[in-house]
Amino acid sequence: MAFATDMAVEVTEGNWWDEANCLGVDPDLFFPERGASTREAKAVCRGCVVSDDCLEYALQNSEKFGIWGGMSERERRRVRRQRALTRRAAAG
């Protein structure tokens, strides 16, 4: 997802989100109502040079809402689940 500077996160100069495609985009685009399309938000994320950083931020901070790194919460849950299975298999 895009990182909007009005979110409850400390924003300092030189962070990855300074390069985000979503910088200056209305944050509401990335937090659609339940059942609404995420297509526009994901289009902003597509080709963003920091989308991987954005996605990792959301995964590490258990973001439950919105589009982050081009993924919805449902998609991020799948990534977290897969990572957990991979870690368990490696610890095996």
PDB file of N, CA and C in Angstrom:
ATOM      1  N   MET A   1       0.841  -1.159   0.000  1.00  0.00           N
ATOM      2  CA  MET A   1       0.000   0.000   0.000  1.00  0.00           C
ATOM      3  C   MET A   1       0.875   1.207   0.000  1.00  0.00           C
ATOM      4  N   ALA A   2       0.275   2.196  -0.250  1.00  0.00           N
ATOM      5  CA  ALA A   2       0.936   3.462  -0.207  1.00  0.00           C
ATOM      6  C   ALA A   2       1.047   3.893   1.225  1.00  0.00           C
ATOM      7  N   PHE A   3       2.001   4.674   1.496  1.00  0.00           N
ATOM      8  CA  PHE A   3       2.189   5.144   2.851  1.00  0.00           C
ATOM      9  C   PHE A   3       1.821   6.608   2.923  1.00  0.00           C
ATOM     10  N   ALA A   4       0.727   6.905   3.532  1.00  0.00           N
ATOM     11  CA  ALA A   4       0.274   8.279   3.680  1.00  0.00           C
ATOM     12  C   ALA A   4       0.860   8.859   4.966  1.00  0.00           C
ATOM     13  N   THR A   5       1.328  10.069   4.913  1.00  0.00           N
ATOM     14  CA  THR A   5       2.020  10.646   6.064  1.00  0.00           C
ATOM     15  C   THR A   5       1.118  10.979   7.232  1.00  0.00           C
ATOM     16  N   ASP A   6      -0.194  10.887   7.071  1.00  0.00           N
ATOM     17  CA  ASP A   6      -1.076  11.180   8.194  1.00  0.00           C
ATOM     18  C   ASP A   6      -1.390   9.931   9.016  1.00  0.00           C
ATOM     19  N   MET A   7      -0.780   8.799   8.703  1.00  0.00           N
ATOM     20  CA  MET A   7      -0.998   7.584   9.466  1.00  0.00           C
ATOM     21  C   MET A   7      -0.235   7.678  10.779  1.00  0.00           C
ATOM     22  N   ALA A   8      -0.608   6.841  11.715  1.00  0.00           N
ATOM     23  CA  ALA A   8      -0.019   6.881  13.052  1.00  0.00           C
ATOM     24  C   ALA A   8       1.334   6.184  13.082  1.00  0.00           C
ATOM     25  N   VAL A   9       2.261   6.699  12.324  1.00  0.00           N
ATOM     26  CA  VAL A   9       3.610   6.157  12.262  1.00  0.00           C
ATOM     27  C   VAL A   9       4.556   7.342  12.213  1.00  0.00           C
ATOM     28  N   GLU A  10       5.651   7.223  12.909  1.00  0.00           N
ATOM     29  CA  GLU A  10       6.619   8.315  12.886  1.00  0.00           C
ATOM     30  C   GLU A  10       7.220   8.417  11.492  1.00  0.00           C
ATOM     31  N   VAL A  11       7.103   9.581  10.904  1.00  0.00           N
ATOM     32  CA  VAL A  11       7.626   9.813   9.568  1.00  0.00           C
ATOM     33  C   VAL A  11       8.820  10.744   9.680  1.00  0.00           C
ATOM     34  N   THR A  12       9.960  10.281   9.259  1.00  0.00           N
ATOM     35  CA  THR A  12      11.148  11.115   9.294  1.00  0.00           C
ATOM     36  C   THR A  12      11.743  11.192   7.899  1.00  0.00           C
ATOM     37  N   GLU A  13      12.520  12.198   7.665  1.00  0.00           N
ATOM     38  CA  GLU A  13      13.124  12.403   6.360  1.00  0.00           C
ATOM     39  C   GLU A  13      14.028  11.231   5.996  1.00  0.00           C
ATOM     40  N   GLY A  14      13.980  10.823   4.728  1.00  0.00           N
ATOM     41  CA  GLY A  14      14.861   9.777   4.245  1.00  0.00           C
ATOM     42  C   GLY A  14      14.341   8.363   4.406  1.00  0.00           C
ATOM     43  N   ASN A  15      13.092   8.196   4.770  1.00  0.00           N
ATOM     44  CA  ASN A  15      12.529   6.860   4.900  1.00  0.00           C
ATOM     45  C   ASN A  15      12.103   6.324   3.542  1.00  0.00           C
ATOM     46  N   TRP A  16      11.860   5.025   3.470  1.00  0.00           N
ATOM     47  CA  TRP A  16      11.495   4.406   2.193  1.00  0.00           C
ATOM     48  C   TRP A  16      10.245   5.023   1.602  1.00  0.00           C
ATOM     49  N   TRP A  17       9.309   5.449   2.428  1.00  0.00           N
ATOM     50  CA  TRP A  17       8.047   5.971   1.906  1.00  0.00           C
ATOM     51  C   TRP A  17       8.194   7.312   1.214  1.00  0.00           C
ATOM     52  N   ASP A  18       9.358   7.942   1.365  1.00  0.00           N
ATOM     53  CA  ASP A  18       9.603   9.194   0.628  1.00  0.00           C
ATOM     54  C   ASP A  18       9.619   8.957  -0.881  1.00  0.00           C
ATOM     55  N   GLU A  19       9.828   7.701  -1.281  1.00  0.00           N
ATOM     56  CA  GLU A  19       9.895   7.342  -2.706  1.00  0.00           C
ATOM     57  C   GLU A  19       8.631   6.644  -3.191  1.00  0.00           C
ATOM     58  N   ALA A  20       7.637   6.516  -2.322  1.00  0.00           N
ATOM     59  CA  ALA A  20       6.426   5.760  -2.649  1.00  0.00           C
ATOM     60  C   ALA A  20       5.561   6.468  -3.684  1.00  0.00           C
ATOM     61  N   ASN A  21       4.991   5.682  -4.587  1.00  0.00           N
ATOM     62  CA  ASN A  21       4.066   6.223  -5.599  1.00  0.00           C
ATOM     63  C   ASN A  21       2.862   6.884  -4.950  1.00  0.00           C
ATOM     64  N   CYS A  22       2.506   6.463  -3.780  1.00  0.00           N
ATOM     65  CA  CYS A  22       1.286   6.951  -3.133  1.00  0.00           C
ATOM     66  C   CYS A  22       1.475   8.262  -2.392  1.00  0.00           C
ATOM     67  N   LEU A  23       2.680   8.716  -2.299  1.00  0.00           N
ATOM     68  CA  LEU A  23       2.932   9.960  -1.596  1.00  0.00           C
ATOM     69  C   LEU A  23       2.074  11.067  -2.194  1.00  0.00           C
ATOM     70  N   GLY A  24       1.222  11.649  -1.394  1.00  0.00           N
ATOM     71  CA  GLY A  24       0.341  12.709  -1.857  1.00  0.00           C
ATOM     72  C   GLY A  24      -1.002  12.242  -2.390  1.00  0.00           C
ATOM     73  N   VAL A  25      -1.184  10.921  -2.493  1.00  0.00           N
ATOM     74  CA  VAL A  25      -2.463  10.364  -2.954  1.00  0.00           C
ATOM     75  C   VAL A  25      -3.403  10.285  -1.750  1.00  0.00           C
ATOM     76  N   ASP A  26      -4.678  10.514  -1.977  1.00  0.00           N
ATOM     77  CA  ASP A  26      -5.673  10.444  -0.898  1.00  0.00           C
ATOM     78  C   ASP A  26      -5.607   9.073  -0.222  1.00  0.00           C
ATOM     79  N   PRO A  27      -5.314   9.015   1.069  1.00  0.00           N
ATOM     80  CA  PRO A  27      -5.196   7.733   1.777  1.00  0.00           C
ATOM     81  C   PRO A  27      -6.469   6.895   1.724  1.00  0.00           C
ATOM     82  N   ASP A  28      -7.632   7.547   1.576  1.00  0.00           N
ATOM     83  CA  ASP A  28      -8.887   6.791   1.513  1.00  0.00           C
ATOM     84  C   ASP A  28      -8.896   5.786   0.361  1.00  0.00           C
ATOM     85  N   LEU A  29      -8.132   6.077  -0.688  1.00  0.00           N
ATOM     86  CA  LEU A  29      -8.048   5.157  -1.823  1.00  0.00           C
ATOM     87  C   LEU A  29      -7.527   3.792  -1.375  1.00  0.00           C
ATOM     88  N   PHE A  30      -6.648   3.785  -0.382  1.00  0.00           N
ATOM     89  CA  PHE A  30      -5.998   2.555   0.072  1.00  0.00           C
ATOM     90  C   PHE A  30      -6.750   1.860   1.198  1.00  0.00           C
ATOM     91  N   PHE A  31      -7.861   2.453   1.615  1.00  0.00           N
ATOM     92  CA  PHE A  31      -8.692   1.872   2.658  1.00  0.00           C
ATOM     93  C   PHE A  31     -10.138   1.860   2.175  1.00  0.00           C
ATOM     94  N   PRO A  32     -10.417   1.064   1.139  1.00  0.00           N
ATOM     95  CA  PRO A  32     -11.773   1.045   0.574  1.00  0.00           C
ATOM     96  C   PRO A  32     -12.772   0.398   1.531  1.00  0.00           C
ATOM     97  N   GLU A  33     -14.016   0.749   1.347  1.00  0.00           N
ATOM     98  CA  GLU A  33     -15.088   0.133   2.130  1.00  0.00           C
ATOM     99  C   GLU A  33     -15.120  -1.367   1.825  1.00  0.00           C
ATOM    100  N   ARG A  34     -15.616  -2.138   2.760  1.00  0.00           N
ATOM    101  CA  ARG A  34     -15.720  -3.586   2.569  1.00  0.00           C
ATOM    102  C   ARG A  34     -16.479  -3.880   1.277  1.00  0.00           C
ATOM    103  N   GLY A  35     -15.901  -4.714   0.444  1.00  0.00           N
ATOM    104  CA  GLY A  35     -16.528  -5.109  -0.809  1.00  0.00           C
ATOM    105  C   GLY A  35     -16.240  -4.176  -1.979  1.00  0.00           C
ATOM    106  N   ALA A  36     -15.641  -3.015  -1.707  1.00  0.00           N
ATOM    107  CA  ALA A  36     -15.324  -2.067  -2.777  1.00  0.00           C
ATOM    108  C   ALA A  36     -14.061  -2.526  -3.511  1.00  0.00           C
ATOM    109  N   SER A  37     -13.901  -2.044  -4.702  1.00  0.00           N
ATOM    110  CA  SER A  37     -12.755  -2.423  -5.523  1.00  0.00           C
ATOM    111  C   SER A  37     -11.443  -1.893  -4.950  1.00  0.00           C
ATOM    112  N   THR A  38     -10.407  -2.711  -5.072  1.00  0.00           N
ATOM    113  CA  THR A  38      -9.057  -2.304  -4.674  1.00  0.00           C
ATOM    114  C   THR A  38      -8.189  -2.032  -5.898  1.00  0.00           C
ATOM    115  N   ARG A  39      -8.806  -2.122  -7.059  1.00  0.00           N
ATOM    116  CA  ARG A  39      -8.074  -2.015  -8.319  1.00  0.00           C
ATOM    117  C   ARG A  39      -7.264  -0.723  -8.432  1.00  0.00           C
ATOM    118  N   GLU A  40      -7.880   0.420  -8.114  1.00  0.00           N
ATOM    119  CA  GLU A  40      -7.177   1.699  -8.247  1.00  0.00           C
ATOM    120  C   GLU A  40      -5.978   1.797  -7.309  1.00  0.00           C
ATOM    121  N   ALA A  41      -6.160   1.362  -6.074  1.00  0.00           N
ATOM    122  CA  ALA A  41      -5.061   1.401  -5.104  1.00  0.00           C
ATOM    123  C   ALA A  41      -3.913   0.512  -5.561  1.00  0.00           C
ATOM    124  N   LYS A  42      -4.258  -0.687  -6.009  1.00  0.00           N
ATOM    125  CA  LYS A  42      -3.224  -1.614  -6.464  1.00  0.00           C
ATOM    126  C   LYS A  42      -2.513  -1.088  -7.711  1.00  0.00           C
ATOM    127  N   ALA A  43      -3.221  -0.330  -8.532  1.00  0.00           N
ATOM    128  CA  ALA A  43      -2.606   0.268  -9.723  1.00  0.00           C
ATOM    129  C   ALA A  43      -1.552   1.294  -9.314  1.00  0.00           C
ATOM    130  N   VAL A  44      -1.806   2.035  -8.238  1.00  0.00           N
ATOM    131  CA  VAL A  44      -0.817   2.993  -7.741  1.00  0.00           C
ATOM    132  C   VAL A  44       0.422   2.244  -7.260  1.00  0.00           C
ATOM    133  N   CYS A  45       0.211   1.114  -6.615  1.00  0.00           N
ATOM    134  CA  CYS A  45       1.321   0.316  -6.082  1.00  0.00           C
ATOM    135  C   CYS A  45       2.141  -0.359  -7.188  1.00  0.00           C
ATOM    136  N   ARG A  46       1.459  -0.695  -8.276  1.00  0.00           N
ATOM    137  CA  ARG A  46       2.140  -1.400  -9.360  1.00  0.00           C
ATOM    138  C   ARG A  46       3.283  -0.544  -9.884  1.00  0.00           C
ATOM    139  N   GLY A  47       4.455  -1.075  -9.908  1.00  0.00           N
ATOM    140  CA  GLY A  47       5.612  -0.360 -10.420  1.00  0.00           C
ATOM    141  C   GLY A  47       6.266   0.565  -9.407  1.00  0.00           C
ATOM    142  N   CYS A  48       5.749   0.607  -8.191  1.00  0.00           N
ATOM    143  CA  CYS A  48       6.337   1.453  -7.155  1.00  0.00           C
ATOM    144  C   CYS A  48       7.676   0.842  -6.737  1.00  0.00           C
ATOM    145  N   VAL A  49       8.691   1.675  -6.664  1.00  0.00           N
ATOM    146  CA  VAL A  49      10.036   1.169  -6.360  1.00  0.00           C
ATOM    147  C   VAL A  49      10.186   0.700  -4.911  1.00  0.00           C
ATOM    148  N   VAL A  50       9.272   1.093  -4.043  1.00  0.00           N
ATOM    149  CA  VAL A  50       9.368   0.680  -2.640  1.00  0.00           C
ATOM    150  C   VAL A  50       8.217  -0.235  -2.218  1.00  0.00           C
ATOM    151  N   SER A  51       7.540  -0.848  -3.174  1.00  0.00           N
ATOM    152  CA  SER A  51       6.400  -1.696  -2.811  1.00  0.00           C
ATOM    153  C   SER A  51       6.822  -2.877  -1.940  1.00  0.00           C
ATOM    154  N   ASP A  52       8.001  -3.422  -2.161  1.00  0.00           N
ATOM    155  CA  ASP A  52       8.467  -4.530  -1.305  1.00  0.00           C
ATOM    156  C   ASP A  52       8.669  -4.050   0.131  1.00  0.00           C
ATOM    157  N   ASP A  53       9.253  -2.854   0.283  1.00  0.00           N
ATOM    158  CA  ASP A  53       9.449  -2.285   1.623  1.00  0.00           C
ATOM    159  C   ASP A  53       8.110  -2.023   2.291  1.00  0.00           C
ATOM    160  N   CYS A  54       7.173  -1.518   1.521  1.00  0.00           N
ATOM    161  CA  CYS A  54       5.834  -1.224   2.016  1.00  0.00           C
ATOM    162  C   CYS A  54       5.149  -2.510   2.493  1.00  0.00           C
ATOM    163  N   LEU A  55       5.238  -3.537   1.682  1.00  0.00           N
ATOM    164  CA  LEU A  55       4.642  -4.823   2.044  1.00  0.00           C
ATOM    165  C   LEU A  55       5.291  -5.377   3.309  1.00  0.00           C
ATOM    166  N   GLU A  56       6.615  -5.331   3.379  1.00  0.00           N
ATOM    167  CA  GLU A  56       7.314  -5.830   4.573  1.00  0.00           C
ATOM    168  C   GLU A  56       6.911  -5.049   5.810  1.00  0.00           C
ATOM    169  N   TYR A  57       6.760  -3.735   5.671  1.00  0.00           N
ATOM    170  CA  TYR A  57       6.314  -2.908   6.783  1.00  0.00           C
ATOM    171  C   TYR A  57       4.962  -3.416   7.292  1.00  0.00           C
ATOM    172  N   ALA A  58       4.040  -3.633   6.369  1.00  0.00           N
ATOM    173  CA  ALA A  58       2.695  -4.093   6.743  1.00  0.00           C
ATOM    174  C   ALA A  58       2.745  -5.468   7.397  1.00  0.00           C
ATOM    175  N   LEU A  59       3.564  -6.347   6.860  1.00  0.00           N
ATOM    176  CA  LEU A  59       3.676  -7.698   7.427  1.00  0.00           C
ATOM    177  C   LEU A  59       4.301  -7.662   8.817  1.00  0.00           C
ATOM    178  N   GLN A  60       5.363  -6.889   8.983  1.00  0.00           N
ATOM    179  CA  GLN A  60       6.057  -6.801  10.269  1.00  0.00           C
ATOM    180  C   GLN A  60       5.209  -6.127  11.345  1.00  0.00           C
ATOM    181  N   ASN A  61       4.322  -5.222  10.918  1.00  0.00           N
ATOM    182  CA  ASN A  61       3.510  -4.467  11.867  1.00  0.00           C
ATOM    183  C   ASN A  61       2.064  -4.960  11.943  1.00  0.00           C
ATOM    184  N   SER A  62       1.807  -6.103  11.328  1.00  0.00           N
ATOM    185  CA  SER A  62       0.475  -6.726  11.348  1.00  0.00           C
ATOM    186  C   SER A  62      -0.639  -5.748  10.992  1.00  0.00           C
ATOM    187  N   GLU A  63      -0.416  -4.982   9.923  1.00  0.00           N
ATOM    188  CA  GLU A  63      -1.446  -4.056   9.449  1.00  0.00           C
ATOM    189  C   GLU A  63      -2.670  -4.863   9.061  1.00  0.00           C
ATOM    190  N   LYS A  64      -3.788  -4.545   9.633  1.00  0.00           N
ATOM    191  CA  LYS A  64      -5.002  -5.318   9.398  1.00  0.00           C
ATOM    192  C   LYS A  64      -5.893  -4.722   8.333  1.00  0.00           C
ATOM    193  N   PHE A  65      -5.650  -3.490   7.956  1.00  0.00           N
ATOM    194  CA  PHE A  65      -6.529  -2.819   7.012  1.00  0.00           C
ATOM    195  C   PHE A  65      -5.724  -2.194   5.888  1.00  0.00           C
ATOM    196  N   GLY A  66      -6.366  -2.039   4.767  1.00  0.00           N
ATOM    197  CA  GLY A  66      -5.780  -1.284   3.670  1.00  0.00           C
ATOM    198  C   GLY A  66      -4.947  -2.098   2.705  1.00  0.00           C
ATOM    199  N   ILE A  67      -4.530  -1.414   1.674  1.00  0.00           N
ATOM    200  CA  ILE A  67      -3.658  -1.982   0.647  1.00  0.00           C
ATOM    201  C   ILE A  67      -2.250  -1.521   0.959  1.00  0.00           C
ATOM    202  N   TRP A  68      -1.356  -2.448   1.123  1.00  0.00           N
ATOM    203  CA  TRP A  68       0.052  -2.175   1.417  1.00  0.00           C
ATOM    204  C   TRP A  68       0.900  -2.996   0.455  1.00  0.00           C
ATOM    205  N   GLY A  69       1.817  -2.363  -0.205  1.00  0.00           N
ATOM    206  CA  GLY A  69       2.678  -3.095  -1.135  1.00  0.00           C
ATOM    207  C   GLY A  69       1.889  -3.804  -2.215  1.00  0.00           C
ATOM    208  N   GLY A  70       0.722  -3.280  -2.530  1.00  0.00           N
ATOM    209  CA  GLY A  70      -0.114  -3.865  -3.573  1.00  0.00           C
ATOM    210  C   GLY A  70      -0.942  -5.060  -3.130  1.00  0.00           C
ATOM    211  N   MET A  71      -0.984  -5.321  -1.825  1.00  0.00           N
ATOM    212  CA  MET A  71      -1.737  -6.475  -1.324  1.00  0.00           C
ATOM    213  C   MET A  71      -2.786  -6.064  -0.306  1.00  0.00           C
ATOM    214  N   SER A  72      -3.908  -6.766  -0.357  1.00  0.00           N
ATOM    215  CA  SER A  72      -4.976  -6.580   0.628  1.00  0.00           C
ATOM    216  C   SER A  72      -4.623  -7.356   1.896  1.00  0.00           C
ATOM    217  N   GLU A  73      -5.391  -7.153   2.943  1.00  0.00           N
ATOM    218  CA  GLU A  73      -5.171  -7.892   4.185  1.00  0.00           C
ATOM    219  C   GLU A  73      -5.302  -9.394   3.957  1.00  0.00           C
ATOM    220  N   ARG A  74      -6.266  -9.804   3.177  1.00  0.00           N
ATOM    221  CA  ARG A  74      -6.438 -11.232   2.889  1.00  0.00           C
ATOM    222  C   ARG A  74      -5.182 -11.796   2.208  1.00  0.00           C
ATOM    223  N   GLU A  75      -4.652 -11.066   1.254  1.00  0.00           N
ATOM    224  CA  GLU A  75      -3.446 -11.509   0.559  1.00  0.00           C
ATOM    225  C   GLU A  75      -2.245 -11.534   1.506  1.00  0.00           C
ATOM    226  N   ARG A  76      -2.156 -10.535   2.386  1.00  0.00           N
ATOM    227  CA  ARG A  76      -1.047 -10.507   3.351  1.00  0.00           C
ATOM    228  C   ARG A  76      -1.160 -11.651   4.353  1.00  0.00           C
ATOM    229  N   ARG A  77      -2.383 -12.019   4.733  1.00  0.00           N
ATOM    230  CA  ARG A  77      -2.567 -13.173   5.636  1.00  0.00           C
ATOM    231  C   ARG A  77      -2.000 -14.439   5.006  1.00  0.00           C
ATOM    232  N   ARG A  78      -2.242 -14.600   3.710  1.00  0.00           N
ATOM    233  CA  ARG A  78      -1.696 -15.780   3.016  1.00  0.00           C
ATOM    234  C   ARG A  78      -0.174 -15.782   3.053  1.00  0.00           C
ATOM    235  N   VAL A  79       0.438 -14.625   2.853  1.00  0.00           N
ATOM    236  CA  VAL A  79       1.901 -14.510   2.894  1.00  0.00           C
ATOM    237  C   VAL A  79       2.402 -14.861   4.292  1.00  0.00           C
ATOM    238  N   ARG A  80       1.760 -14.318   5.330  1.00  0.00           N
ATOM    239  CA  ARG A  80       2.178 -14.623   6.706  1.00  0.00           C
ATOM    240  C   ARG A  80       2.042 -16.109   7.007  1.00  0.00           C
ATOM    241  N   ARG A  81       0.944 -16.700   6.567  1.00  0.00           N
ATOM    242  CA  ARG A  81       0.715 -18.133   6.781  1.00  0.00           C
ATOM    243  C   ARG A  81       1.787 -18.961   6.076  1.00  0.00           C
ATOM    244  N   GLN A  82       2.097 -18.613   4.835  1.00  0.00           N
ATOM    245  CA  GLN A  82       3.114 -19.345   4.080  1.00  0.00           C
ATOM    246  C   GLN A  82       4.484 -19.209   4.733  1.00  0.00           C
ATOM    247  N   ARG A  83       4.799 -18.014   5.195  1.00  0.00           N
ATOM    248  CA  ARG A  83       6.088 -17.808   5.876  1.00  0.00           C
ATOM    249  C   ARG A  83       6.167 -18.633   7.151  1.00  0.00           C
ATOM    250  N   ALA A  84       5.075 -18.710   7.884  1.00  0.00           N
ATOM    251  CA  ALA A  84       5.058 -19.498   9.120  1.00  0.00           C
ATOM    252  C   ALA A  84       5.282 -20.976   8.809  1.00  0.00           C
ATOM    253  N   LEU A  85       4.623 -21.463   7.761  1.00  0.00           N
ATOM    254  CA  LEU A  85       4.818 -22.865   7.361  1.00  0.00           C
ATOM    255  C   LEU A  85       6.258 -23.121   6.937  1.00  0.00           C
ATOM    256  N   THR A  86       6.836 -22.199   6.220  1.00  0.00           N
ATOM    257  CA  THR A  86       8.234 -22.322   5.781  1.00  0.00           C
ATOM    258  C   THR A  86       9.175 -22.354   6.970  1.00  0.00           C
ATOM    259  N   ARG A  87       8.940 -21.471   7.951  1.00  0.00           N
ATOM    260  CA  ARG A  87       9.793 -21.443   9.162  1.00  0.00           C
ATOM    261  C   ARG A  87       9.678 -22.760   9.928  1.00  0.00           C
ATOM    262  N   ARG A  88       8.448 -23.263  10.059  1.00  0.00           N
ATOM    263  CA  ARG A  88       8.255 -24.532  10.771  1.00  0.00           C
ATOM    264  C   ARG A  88       8.958 -25.678  10.072  1.00  0.00           C
ATOM    265  N   ALA A  89       8.861 -25.698   8.764  1.00  0.00           N
ATOM    266  CA  ALA A  89       9.505 -26.768   7.985  1.00  0.00           C
ATOM    267  C   ALA A  89      11.032 -26.687   8.113  1.00  0.00           C
ATOM    268  N   ALA A  90      11.560 -25.480   8.129  1.00  0.00           N
ATOM    269  CA  ALA A  90      13.011 -25.294   8.249  1.00  0.00           C
ATOM    270  C   ALA A  90      13.503 -25.690   9.648  1.00  0.00           C
ATOM    271  N   ALA A  91      12.667 -25.470  10.655  1.00  0.00           N
ATOM    272  CA  ALA A  91      13.051 -25.808  12.032  1.00  0.00           C
ATOM    273  C   ALA A  91      12.921 -27.310  12.285  1.00  0.00           C
ATOM    274  N   GLY A  92      12.093 -27.934  11.444  1.00  0.00           N
ATOM    275  CA  GLY A  92      11.734 -29.302  11.471  1.00  0.00           C
ATOM    276  C   GLY A  92      12.317 -30.335  12.208  1.00  0.00           C
TER     277      GLY A  92
END
